């Protein structure tokens, strides 16, 4: 049931409401994270940058906490399509894939 932009779910005896505009879960590339960090550093508002990249402001805060890792990986030549910064268990494999 939808009432003025909200979807109402009836669960047992409880009624819950959720906004009908949910954000899809998506992973951002290293390049997108780097660009977002640079926009924040240049003075753009957190809310505007979050809207540009379709992420929540708390996600941007998490990226800022990991800023050193993201900047180092991006400027160090890690593939810009990389989404996670977890190291590979095999250094030779890592070099072969990304260099």
C-alpha atoms as a PDB file:
ATOM      1  CA  UNK A   1       0.000   0.000   0.000  1.00  0.00           C
ATOM      2  CA  UNK A   2       1.396   3.422  -0.925  1.00  0.00           C
ATOM      3  CA  UNK A   3       0.429   6.647   0.830  1.00  0.00           C
ATOM      4  CA  UNK A   4       1.859   9.992  -0.336  1.00  0.00           C
ATOM      5  CA  UNK A   5       5.223   8.632  -1.504  1.00  0.00           C
ATOM      6  CA  UNK A   6       5.700   6.093   1.278  1.00  0.00           C
ATOM      7  CA  UNK A   7       5.225   2.372   1.083  1.00  0.00           C
ATOM      8  CA  UNK A   8       3.487   0.890   4.079  1.00  0.00           C
ATOM      9  CA  UNK A   9       4.312  -2.692   4.969  1.00  0.00           C
ATOM     10  CA  UNK A  10       2.056  -4.632   7.285  1.00  0.00           C
ATOM     11  CA  UNK A  11       4.096  -7.075   9.316  1.00  0.00           C
ATOM     12  CA  UNK A  12       2.056  -9.033  11.791  1.00  0.00           C
ATOM     13  CA  UNK A  13       0.535  -6.356  14.055  1.00  0.00           C
ATOM     14  CA  UNK A  14       3.203  -3.749  13.331  1.00  0.00           C
ATOM     15  CA  UNK A  15       3.187  -1.161  10.584  1.00  0.00           C
ATOM     16  CA  UNK A  16       6.479   0.002   9.099  1.00  0.00           C
ATOM     17  CA  UNK A  17       7.014   2.774   6.583  1.00  0.00           C
ATOM     18  CA  UNK A  18       9.818   3.087   4.100  1.00  0.00           C
ATOM     19  CA  UNK A  19      10.574   5.708   1.512  1.00  0.00           C
ATOM     20  CA  UNK A  20       9.741   4.608  -2.025  1.00  0.00           C
ATOM     21  CA  UNK A  21      13.020   6.045  -3.341  1.00  0.00           C
ATOM     22  CA  UNK A  22      15.668   3.576  -2.220  1.00  0.00           C
ATOM     23  CA  UNK A  23      19.238   3.827  -3.413  1.00  0.00           C
ATOM     24  CA  UNK A  24      20.542   0.794  -5.279  1.00  0.00           C
ATOM     25  CA  UNK A  25      23.545  -0.866  -3.733  1.00  0.00           C
ATOM     26  CA  UNK A  26      26.551  -0.290  -5.956  1.00  0.00           C
ATOM     27  CA  UNK A  27      30.295  -0.355  -5.683  1.00  0.00           C
ATOM     28  CA  UNK A  28      32.254   2.693  -6.685  1.00  0.00           C
ATOM     29  CA  UNK A  29      35.586   2.428  -8.446  1.00  0.00           C
ATOM     30  CA  UNK A  30      38.818   3.711  -6.986  1.00  0.00           C
ATOM     31  CA  UNK A  31      38.742   6.543  -9.516  1.00  0.00           C
ATOM     32  CA  UNK A  32      35.259   7.637  -8.401  1.00  0.00           C
ATOM     33  CA  UNK A  33      36.284   7.551  -4.744  1.00  0.00           C
ATOM     34  CA  UNK A  34      39.414   9.580  -5.534  1.00  0.00           C
ATOM     35  CA  UNK A  35      37.410  12.179  -7.478  1.00  0.00           C
ATOM     36  CA  UNK A  36      34.861  12.474  -4.659  1.00  0.00           C
ATOM     37  CA  UNK A  37      37.631  13.031  -2.106  1.00  0.00           C
ATOM     38  CA  UNK A  38      39.193  15.738  -4.288  1.00  0.00           C
ATOM     39  CA  UNK A  39      35.804  17.490  -4.624  1.00  0.00           C
ATOM     40  CA  UNK A  40      35.371  17.436  -0.845  1.00  0.00           C
ATOM     41  CA  UNK A  41      38.875  18.835  -0.354  1.00  0.00           C
ATOM     42  CA  UNK A  42      38.164  21.640  -2.835  1.00  0.00           C
ATOM     43  CA  UNK A  43      35.267  22.812  -0.665  1.00  0.00           C
ATOM     44  CA  UNK A  44      32.196  21.195  -2.210  1.00  0.00           C
ATOM     45  CA  UNK A  45      29.462  20.388   0.286  1.00  0.00           C
ATOM     46  CA  UNK A  46      29.283  16.818   1.538  1.00  0.00           C
ATOM     47  CA  UNK A  47      25.580  16.663   0.632  1.00  0.00           C
ATOM     48  CA  UNK A  48      26.216  17.754  -2.983  1.00  0.00           C
ATOM     49  CA  UNK A  49      29.091  15.334  -3.531  1.00  0.00           C
ATOM     50  CA  UNK A  50      27.000  12.503  -2.053  1.00  0.00           C
ATOM     51  CA  UNK A  51      24.216  13.310  -4.518  1.00  0.00           C
ATOM     52  CA  UNK A  52      26.665  13.466  -7.457  1.00  0.00           C
ATOM     53  CA  UNK A  53      27.994   9.975  -6.728  1.00  0.00           C
ATOM     54  CA  UNK A  54      24.661   8.544  -5.504  1.00  0.00           C
ATOM     55  CA  UNK A  55      26.031   7.529  -2.104  1.00  0.00           C
ATOM     56  CA  UNK A  56      25.065   8.490   1.421  1.00  0.00           C
ATOM     57  CA  UNK A  57      27.020  11.177   3.295  1.00  0.00           C
ATOM     58  CA  UNK A  58      28.169   8.521   5.764  1.00  0.00           C
ATOM     59  CA  UNK A  59      29.798   6.629   2.879  1.00  0.00           C
ATOM     60  CA  UNK A  60      31.769   9.762   2.015  1.00  0.00           C
ATOM     61  CA  UNK A  61      32.891   9.981   5.643  1.00  0.00           C
ATOM     62  CA  UNK A  62      34.148   6.401   5.422  1.00  0.00           C
ATOM     63  CA  UNK A  63      36.045   7.255   2.238  1.00  0.00           C
ATOM     64  CA  UNK A  64      37.597  10.262   3.972  1.00  0.00           C
ATOM     65  CA  UNK A  65      38.760   8.024   6.827  1.00  0.00           C
ATOM     66  CA  UNK A  66      40.480   5.840   4.224  1.00  0.00           C
ATOM     67  CA  UNK A  67      41.691   8.836   2.217  1.00  0.00           C
ATOM     68  CA  UNK A  68      45.388   8.021   2.580  1.00  0.00           C
ATOM     69  CA  UNK A  69      44.910   4.478   1.277  1.00  0.00           C
ATOM     70  CA  UNK A  70      42.673   5.562  -1.607  1.00  0.00           C
ATOM     71  CA  UNK A  71      44.957   8.402  -2.727  1.00  0.00           C
ATOM     72  CA  UNK A  72      48.090   6.266  -2.408  1.00  0.00           C
ATOM     73  CA  UNK A  73      46.528   3.414  -4.398  1.00  0.00           C
ATOM     74  CA  UNK A  74      45.164   5.679  -7.128  1.00  0.00           C
ATOM     75  CA  UNK A  75      48.303   7.773  -7.540  1.00  0.00           C
ATOM     76  CA  UNK A  76      50.485   4.676  -7.187  1.00  0.00           C
ATOM     77  CA  UNK A  77      49.087   3.167 -10.347  1.00  0.00           C
ATOM     78  CA  UNK A  78      46.556   0.689  -9.003  1.00  0.00           C
ATOM     79  CA  UNK A  79      43.917   0.061 -11.658  1.00  0.00           C
ATOM     80  CA  UNK A  80      41.251   2.760 -11.493  1.00  0.00           C
ATOM     81  CA  UNK A  81      38.576   0.070 -11.894  1.00  0.00           C
ATOM     82  CA  UNK A  82      39.574  -1.509  -8.593  1.00  0.00           C
ATOM     83  CA  UNK A  83      36.805  -1.339  -6.026  1.00  0.00           C
ATOM     84  CA  UNK A  84      38.379  -2.819  -2.904  1.00  0.00           C
ATOM     85  CA  UNK A  85      41.844  -2.192  -1.524  1.00  0.00           C
ATOM     86  CA  UNK A  86      42.464  -5.612  -0.033  1.00  0.00           C
ATOM     87  CA  UNK A  87      45.956  -6.896  -0.803  1.00  0.00           C
ATOM     88  CA  UNK A  88      46.354 -10.041  -2.824  1.00  0.00           C
ATOM     89  CA  UNK A  89      47.976 -13.021  -1.106  1.00  0.00           C
ATOM     90  CA  UNK A  90      50.417 -13.481  -3.987  1.00  0.00           C
ATOM     91  CA  UNK A  91      52.578 -10.462  -4.864  1.00  0.00           C
ATOM     92  CA  UNK A  92      53.650 -11.904  -8.251  1.00  0.00           C
ATOM     93  CA  UNK A  93      50.024 -12.335  -9.261  1.00  0.00           C
ATOM     94  CA  UNK A  94      49.227  -8.788  -8.127  1.00  0.00           C
ATOM     95  CA  UNK A  95      52.059  -7.337 -10.244  1.00  0.00           C
ATOM     96  CA  UNK A  96      51.070  -9.423 -13.284  1.00  0.00           C
ATOM     97  CA  UNK A  97      47.463  -8.277 -13.144  1.00  0.00           C
ATOM     98  CA  UNK A  98      47.951  -4.563 -12.541  1.00  0.00           C
ATOM     99  CA  UNK A  99      51.207  -3.612 -14.260  1.00  0.00           C
END
